PDB file of N, CA and C in Angstrom:
ATOM      1  N   MET A   1      -5.485  10.659   2.174  1.00  0.00           N
ATOM      2  CA  MET A   1      -6.492  10.941   1.188  1.00  0.00           C
ATOM      3  C   MET A   1      -6.461   9.922   0.060  1.00  0.00           C
ATOM      4  N   ALA A   2      -5.281   9.459  -0.327  1.00  0.00           N
ATOM      5  CA  ALA A   2      -5.159   8.516  -1.427  1.00  0.00           C
ATOM      6  C   ALA A   2      -5.862   7.191  -1.147  1.00  0.00           C
ATOM      7  N   PRO A   3      -5.771   6.602   0.080  1.00  0.00           N
ATOM      8  CA  PRO A   3      -6.526   5.364   0.317  1.00  0.00           C
ATOM      9  C   PRO A   3      -8.042   5.548   0.190  1.00  0.00           C
ATOM     10  N   LEU A   4      -8.541   6.706   0.589  1.00  0.00           N
ATOM     11  CA  LEU A   4      -9.977   6.960   0.430  1.00  0.00           C
ATOM     12  C   LEU A   4     -10.359   7.026  -1.036  1.00  0.00           C
ATOM     13  N   ILE A   5      -9.510   7.623  -1.850  1.00  0.00           N
ATOM     14  CA  ILE A   5      -9.775   7.690  -3.281  1.00  0.00           C
ATOM     15  C   ILE A   5      -9.714   6.298  -3.897  1.00  0.00           C
ATOM     16  N   VAL A   6      -8.815   5.438  -3.422  1.00  0.00           N
ATOM     17  CA  VAL A   6      -8.758   4.058  -3.909  1.00  0.00           C
ATOM     18  C   VAL A   6     -10.052   3.329  -3.553  1.00  0.00           C
ATOM     19  N   ILE A   7     -10.539   3.520  -2.334  1.00  0.00           N
ATOM     20  CA  ILE A   7     -11.777   2.855  -1.918  1.00  0.00           C
ATOM     21  C   ILE A   7     -12.942   3.310  -2.769  1.00  0.00           C
ATOM     22  N   LEU A   8     -13.000   4.607  -3.085  1.00  0.00           N
ATOM     23  CA  LEU A   8     -14.093   5.126  -3.906  1.00  0.00           C
ATOM     24  C   LEU A   8     -13.958   4.717  -5.369  1.00  0.00           C
ATOM     25  N   GLY A   9     -12.765   4.391  -5.812  1.00  0.00           N
ATOM     26  CA  GLY A   9     -12.559   3.954  -7.171  1.00  0.00           C
ATOM     27  C   GLY A   9     -12.388   5.073  -8.165  1.00  0.00           C
ATOM     28  N   TYR A  10     -11.970   6.219  -7.732  1.00  0.00           N
ATOM     29  CA  TYR A  10     -11.758   7.366  -8.627  1.00  0.00           C
ATOM     30  C   TYR A  10     -10.262   7.566  -8.814  1.00  0.00           C
ATOM     31  N   GLN A  11      -9.790   7.534 -10.059  1.00  0.00           N
ATOM     32  CA  GLN A  11      -8.364   7.663 -10.373  1.00  0.00           C
ATOM     33  C   GLN A  11      -7.550   6.657  -9.545  1.00  0.00           C
ATOM     34  N   THR A  12      -7.929   5.406  -9.641  1.00  0.00           N
ATOM     35  CA  THR A  12      -7.391   4.365  -8.770  1.00  0.00           C
ATOM     36  C   THR A  12      -5.904   4.129  -9.018  1.00  0.00           C
ATOM     37  N   HIS A  13      -5.474   4.106 -10.252  1.00  0.00           N
ATOM     38  CA  HIS A  13      -4.066   3.828 -10.532  1.00  0.00           C
ATOM     39  C   HIS A  13      -3.153   4.886  -9.926  1.00  0.00           C
ATOM     40  N   ILE A  14      -3.512   6.141 -10.079  1.00  0.00           N
ATOM     41  CA  ILE A  14      -2.690   7.232  -9.560  1.00  0.00           C
ATOM     42  C   ILE A  14      -2.676   7.227  -8.039  1.00  0.00           C
ATOM     43  N   SER A  15      -3.841   7.058  -7.428  1.00  0.00           N
ATOM     44  CA  SER A  15      -3.878   7.089  -5.966  1.00  0.00           C
ATOM     45  C   SER A  15      -3.231   5.843  -5.355  1.00  0.00           C
ATOM     46  N   ALA A  16      -3.274   4.705  -6.040  1.00  0.00           N
ATOM     47  CA  ALA A  16      -2.571   3.523  -5.544  1.00  0.00           C
ATOM     48  C   ALA A  16      -1.059   3.730  -5.618  1.00  0.00           C
ATOM     49  N   LEU A  17      -0.593   4.380  -6.661  1.00  0.00           N
ATOM     50  CA  LEU A  17       0.831   4.688  -6.748  1.00  0.00           C
ATOM     51  C   LEU A  17       1.265   5.679  -5.666  1.00  0.00           C
ATOM     52  N   LEU A  18       0.405   6.640  -5.349  1.00  0.00           N
ATOM     53  CA  LEU A  18       0.705   7.569  -4.242  1.00  0.00           C
ATOM     54  C   LEU A  18       0.772   6.828  -2.917  1.00  0.00           C
ATOM     55  N   THR A  19      -0.125   5.879  -2.713  1.00  0.00           N
ATOM     56  CA  THR A  19      -0.098   5.070  -1.489  1.00  0.00           C
ATOM     57  C   THR A  19       1.178   4.237  -1.425  1.00  0.00           C
ATOM     58  N   ASP A  20       1.592   3.669  -2.564  1.00  0.00           N
ATOM     59  CA  ASP A  20       2.841   2.899  -2.601  1.00  0.00           C
ATOM     60  C   ASP A  20       4.040   3.775  -2.250  1.00  0.00           C
ATOM     61  N   PHE A  21       4.090   4.967  -2.838  1.00  0.00           N
ATOM     62  CA  PHE A  21       5.190   5.878  -2.547  1.00  0.00           C
ATOM     63  C   PHE A  21       5.199   6.243  -1.052  1.00  0.00           C
ATOM     64  N   ASN A  22       4.022   6.488  -0.501  1.00  0.00           N
ATOM     65  CA  ASN A  22       3.915   6.814   0.918  1.00  0.00           C
ATOM     66  C   ASN A  22       4.436   5.667   1.777  1.00  0.00           C
ATOM     67  N   MET A  23       4.080   4.441   1.448  1.00  0.00           N
ATOM     68  CA  MET A  23       4.537   3.303   2.244  1.00  0.00           C
ATOM     69  C   MET A  23       6.035   3.081   2.088  1.00  0.00           C
ATOM     70  N   LEU A  24       6.583   3.335   0.909  1.00  0.00           N
ATOM     71  CA  LEU A  24       8.022   3.211   0.749  1.00  0.00           C
ATOM     72  C   LEU A  24       8.774   4.231   1.593  1.00  0.00           C
ATOM     73  N   VAL A  25       8.253   5.453   1.658  1.00  0.00           N
ATOM     74  CA  VAL A  25       8.863   6.487   2.498  1.00  0.00           C
ATOM     75  C   VAL A  25       8.775   6.117   3.970  1.00  0.00           C
ATOM     76  N   VAL A  26       7.613   5.602   4.378  1.00  0.00           N
ATOM     77  CA  VAL A  26       7.443   5.179   5.780  1.00  0.00           C
ATOM     78  C   VAL A  26       8.419   4.073   6.137  1.00  0.00           C
ATOM     79  N   ILE A  27       8.539   3.077   5.269  1.00  0.00           N
ATOM     80  CA  ILE A  27       9.453   1.964   5.550  1.00  0.00           C
ATOM     81  C   ILE A  27      10.898   2.454   5.577  1.00  0.00           C
ATOM     82  N   ALA A  28      11.258   3.331   4.656  1.00  0.00           N
ATOM     83  CA  ALA A  28      12.638   3.831   4.599  1.00  0.00           C
ATOM     84  C   ALA A  28      12.993   4.706   5.789  1.00  0.00           C
ATOM     85  N   MET A  29      12.064   5.561   6.206  1.00  0.00           N
ATOM     86  CA  MET A  29      12.392   6.528   7.252  1.00  0.00           C
ATOM     87  C   MET A  29      12.202   5.987   8.668  1.00  0.00           C
ATOM     88  N   VAL A  30      11.194   5.153   8.861  1.00  0.00           N
ATOM     89  CA  VAL A  30      10.854   4.744  10.225  1.00  0.00           C
ATOM     90  C   VAL A  30      11.227   3.296  10.513  1.00  0.00           C
ATOM     91  N   HIS A  31      11.010   2.412   9.564  1.00  0.00           N
ATOM     92  CA  HIS A  31      11.161   0.979   9.840  1.00  0.00           C
ATOM     93  C   HIS A  31      12.343   0.333   9.139  1.00  0.00           C
ATOM     94  N   SER A  32      13.335   1.094   8.729  1.00  0.00           N
ATOM     95  CA  SER A  32      14.451   0.521   7.970  1.00  0.00           C
ATOM     96  C   SER A  32      15.249  -0.496   8.792  1.00  0.00           C
ATOM     97  N   HIS A  33      15.280  -0.348  10.099  1.00  0.00           N
ATOM     98  CA  HIS A  33      16.018  -1.296  10.930  1.00  0.00           C
ATOM     99  C   HIS A  33      15.252  -2.612  11.141  1.00  0.00           C
ATOM    100  N   GLU A  34      14.004  -2.683  10.703  1.00  0.00           N
ATOM    101  CA  GLU A  34      13.192  -3.886  10.874  1.00  0.00           C
ATOM    102  C   GLU A  34      12.953  -4.655   9.580  1.00  0.00           C
ATOM    103  N   LEU A  35      13.710  -4.359   8.528  1.00  0.00           N
ATOM    104  CA  LEU A  35      13.440  -4.973   7.229  1.00  0.00           C
ATOM    105  C   LEU A  35      13.546  -6.486   7.251  1.00  0.00           C
ATOM    106  N   ILE A  36      14.494  -7.037   7.958  1.00  0.00           N
ATOM    107  CA  ILE A  36      14.641  -8.485   7.987  1.00  0.00           C
ATOM    108  C   ILE A  36      14.368  -9.065   9.377  1.00  0.00           C
ATOM    109  N   ALA A  37      13.753  -8.304  10.245  1.00  0.00           N
ATOM    110  CA  ALA A  37      13.491  -8.757  11.610  1.00  0.00           C
ATOM    111  C   ALA A  37      12.195  -9.539  11.693  1.00  0.00           C
ATOM    112  N   LEU A  38      12.166 -10.476  12.624  1.00  0.00           N
ATOM    113  CA  LEU A  38      10.953 -11.236  12.907  1.00  0.00           C
ATOM    114  C   LEU A  38      10.395 -10.811  14.244  1.00  0.00           C
ATOM    115  N   GLY A  39       9.080 -10.817  14.366  1.00  0.00           N
ATOM    116  CA  GLY A  39       8.438 -10.452  15.622  1.00  0.00           C
ATOM    117  C   GLY A  39       8.515 -11.569  16.635  1.00  0.00           C
ATOM    118  N   SER A  40       7.903 -11.383  17.777  1.00  0.00           N
ATOM    119  CA  SER A  40       7.962 -12.377  18.846  1.00  0.00           C
ATOM    120  C   SER A  40       7.202 -13.649  18.501  1.00  0.00           C
ATOM    121  N   ASN A  41       6.234 -13.562  17.597  1.00  0.00           N
ATOM    122  CA  ASN A  41       5.484 -14.759  17.215  1.00  0.00           C
ATOM    123  C   ASN A  41       5.989 -15.365  15.911  1.00  0.00           C
ATOM    124  N   GLY A  42       7.109 -14.905  15.389  1.00  0.00           N
ATOM    125  CA  GLY A  42       7.748 -15.515  14.237  1.00  0.00           C
ATOM    126  C   GLY A  42       7.328 -14.971  12.884  1.00  0.00           C
ATOM    127  N   VAL A  43       6.585 -13.882  12.857  1.00  0.00           N
ATOM    128  CA  VAL A  43       6.192 -13.281  11.580  1.00  0.00           C
ATOM    129  C   VAL A  43       7.066 -12.074  11.286  1.00  0.00           C
ATOM    130  N   TRP A  44       7.013 -11.613  10.053  1.00  0.00           N
ATOM    131  CA  TRP A  44       7.792 -10.457   9.631  1.00  0.00           C
ATOM    132  C   TRP A  44       7.325  -9.238  10.406  1.00  0.00           C
ATOM    133  N   SER A  45       8.245  -8.469  10.928  1.00  0.00           N
ATOM    134  CA  SER A  45       7.905  -7.299  11.750  1.00  0.00           C
ATOM    135  C   SER A  45       7.159  -6.237  10.960  1.00  0.00           C
ATOM    136  N   LEU A  46       7.372  -6.174   9.661  1.00  0.00           N
ATOM    137  CA  LEU A  46       6.710  -5.173   8.826  1.00  0.00           C
ATOM    138  C   LEU A  46       5.527  -5.768   8.061  1.00  0.00           C
ATOM    139  N   GLU A  47       4.831  -6.691   8.673  1.00  0.00           N
ATOM    140  CA  GLU A  47       3.741  -7.374   7.983  1.00  0.00           C
ATOM    141  C   GLU A  47       2.642  -6.399   7.553  1.00  0.00           C
ATOM    142  N   LEU A  48       2.216  -5.504   8.410  1.00  0.00           N
ATOM    143  CA  LEU A  48       1.152  -4.565   8.061  1.00  0.00           C
ATOM    144  C   LEU A  48       1.611  -3.577   6.996  1.00  0.00           C
ATOM    145  N   GLN A  49       2.818  -3.055   7.143  1.00  0.00           N
ATOM    146  CA  GLN A  49       3.333  -2.112   6.157  1.00  0.00           C
ATOM    147  C   GLN A  49       3.540  -2.808   4.801  1.00  0.00           C
ATOM    148  N   GLY A  50       4.019  -4.030   4.827  1.00  0.00           N
ATOM    149  CA  GLY A  50       4.184  -4.800   3.595  1.00  0.00           C
ATOM    150  C   GLY A  50       2.854  -5.108   2.933  1.00  0.00           C
ATOM    151  N   PHE A  51       1.837  -5.377   3.747  1.00  0.00           N
ATOM    152  CA  PHE A  51       0.496  -5.623   3.212  1.00  0.00           C
ATOM    153  C   PHE A  51      -0.014  -4.399   2.471  1.00  0.00           C
ATOM    154  N   PHE A  52       0.095  -3.227   3.080  1.00  0.00           N
ATOM    155  CA  PHE A  52      -0.365  -1.997   2.423  1.00  0.00           C
ATOM    156  C   PHE A  52       0.424  -1.734   1.146  1.00  0.00           C
ATOM    157  N   LEU A  53       1.720  -1.974   1.186  1.00  0.00           N
ATOM    158  CA  LEU A  53       2.562  -1.740   0.019  1.00  0.00           C
ATOM    159  C   LEU A  53       2.185  -2.675  -1.124  1.00  0.00           C
ATOM    160  N   PHE A  54       2.081  -3.970  -0.840  1.00  0.00           N
ATOM    161  CA  PHE A  54       1.827  -4.951  -1.903  1.00  0.00           C
ATOM    162  C   PHE A  54       0.400  -4.881  -2.421  1.00  0.00           C
ATOM    163  N   VAL A  55      -0.556  -4.526  -1.582  1.00  0.00           N
ATOM    164  CA  VAL A  55      -1.924  -4.329  -2.065  1.00  0.00           C
ATOM    165  C   VAL A  55      -1.989  -3.093  -2.958  1.00  0.00           C
ATOM    166  N   GLY A  56      -1.255  -2.056  -2.617  1.00  0.00           N
ATOM    167  CA  GLY A  56      -1.197  -0.873  -3.472  1.00  0.00           C
ATOM    168  C   GLY A  56      -0.587  -1.185  -4.833  1.00  0.00           C
ATOM    169  N   VAL A  57       0.455  -2.007  -4.844  1.00  0.00           N
ATOM    170  CA  VAL A  57       1.059  -2.412  -6.114  1.00  0.00           C
ATOM    171  C   VAL A  57       0.064  -3.224  -6.934  1.00  0.00           C
ATOM    172  N   ALA A  58      -0.636  -4.141  -6.293  1.00  0.00           N
ATOM    173  CA  ALA A  58      -1.617  -4.967  -7.010  1.00  0.00           C
ATOM    174  C   ALA A  58      -2.753  -4.117  -7.564  1.00  0.00           C
ATOM    175  N   VAL A  59      -3.257  -3.178  -6.784  1.00  0.00           N
ATOM    176  CA  VAL A  59      -4.355  -2.327  -7.259  1.00  0.00           C
ATOM    177  C   VAL A  59      -3.882  -1.418  -8.380  1.00  0.00           C
ATOM    178  N   SER A  60      -2.648  -0.958  -8.325  1.00  0.00           N
ATOM    179  CA  SER A  60      -2.162  -0.099  -9.399  1.00  0.00           C
ATOM    180  C   SER A  60      -2.037  -0.868 -10.710  1.00  0.00           C
ATOM    181  N   PHE A  61      -1.758  -2.170 -10.657  1.00  0.00           N
ATOM    182  CA  PHE A  61      -1.702  -2.977 -11.875  1.00  0.00           C
ATOM    183  C   PHE A  61      -3.077  -3.441 -12.326  1.00  0.00           C
ATOM    184  N   ILE A  62      -3.920  -3.859 -11.402  1.00  0.00           N
ATOM    185  CA  ILE A  62      -5.214  -4.447 -11.752  1.00  0.00           C
ATOM    186  C   ILE A  62      -6.268  -3.399 -12.050  1.00  0.00           C
ATOM    187  N   GLY A  63      -6.317  -2.355 -11.245  1.00  0.00           N
ATOM    188  CA  GLY A  63      -7.326  -1.321 -11.432  1.00  0.00           C
ATOM    189  C   GLY A  63      -8.488  -1.497 -10.475  1.00  0.00           C
ATOM    190  N   PRO A  64      -9.494  -0.640 -10.600  1.00  0.00           N
ATOM    191  CA  PRO A  64     -10.586  -0.635  -9.627  1.00  0.00           C
ATOM    192  C   PRO A  64     -11.608  -1.745  -9.813  1.00  0.00           C
ATOM    193  N   GLY A  65     -11.693  -2.314 -10.990  1.00  0.00           N
ATOM    194  CA  GLY A  65     -12.692  -3.347 -11.220  1.00  0.00           C
ATOM    195  C   GLY A  65     -13.994  -2.760 -11.724  1.00  0.00           C
ATOM    196  N   ARG A  66     -15.070  -3.461 -11.498  1.00  0.00           N
ATOM    197  CA  ARG A  66     -16.376  -3.060 -12.014  1.00  0.00           C
ATOM    198  C   ARG A  66     -16.955  -1.859 -11.306  1.00  0.00           C
ATOM    199  N   TYR A  67     -16.745  -1.771 -10.020  1.00  0.00           N
ATOM    200  CA  TYR A  67     -17.371  -0.712  -9.218  1.00  0.00           C
ATOM    201  C   TYR A  67     -16.416   0.458  -9.033  1.00  0.00           C
ATOM    202  N   LYS A  68     -16.681   1.533  -9.729  1.00  0.00           N
ATOM    203  CA  LYS A  68     -15.835   2.713  -9.611  1.00  0.00           C
ATOM    204  C   LYS A  68     -16.662   3.946  -9.940  1.00  0.00           C
ATOM    205  N   LEU A  69     -16.152   5.089  -9.520  1.00  0.00           N
ATOM    206  CA  LEU A  69     -16.763   6.347  -9.902  1.00  0.00           C
ATOM    207  C   LEU A  69     -16.329   6.711 -11.303  1.00  0.00           C
ATOM    208  N   LYS A  70     -17.101   7.481 -11.981  1.00  0.00           N
ATOM    209  CA  LYS A  70     -16.748   7.894 -13.339  1.00  0.00           C
ATOM    210  C   LYS A  70     -15.506   8.774 -13.319  1.00  0.00           C
ATOM    211  N   ASN A  71     -14.661   8.634 -14.331  1.00  0.00           N
ATOM    212  CA  ASN A  71     -13.456   9.467 -14.428  1.00  0.00           C
ATOM    213  C   ASN A  71     -13.750  10.774 -15.072  1.00  0.00           C
TER     214      ASN A  71
END
């Protein structure tokens, strides 16, 4: 639900922080053995999870921008 709220731009900071917390729990519980592993093509094994985590951090700092729903 939090990513949908981020997309809509309503309470973006709070929902981005919830998404970050969710990704940290996912990485800790499921992917902890892959933190420093590389995939078969030489990229970080947690590339997608890291992308979601770092985009959530960026959105929580930057905010929704011009297009958002009213608070």
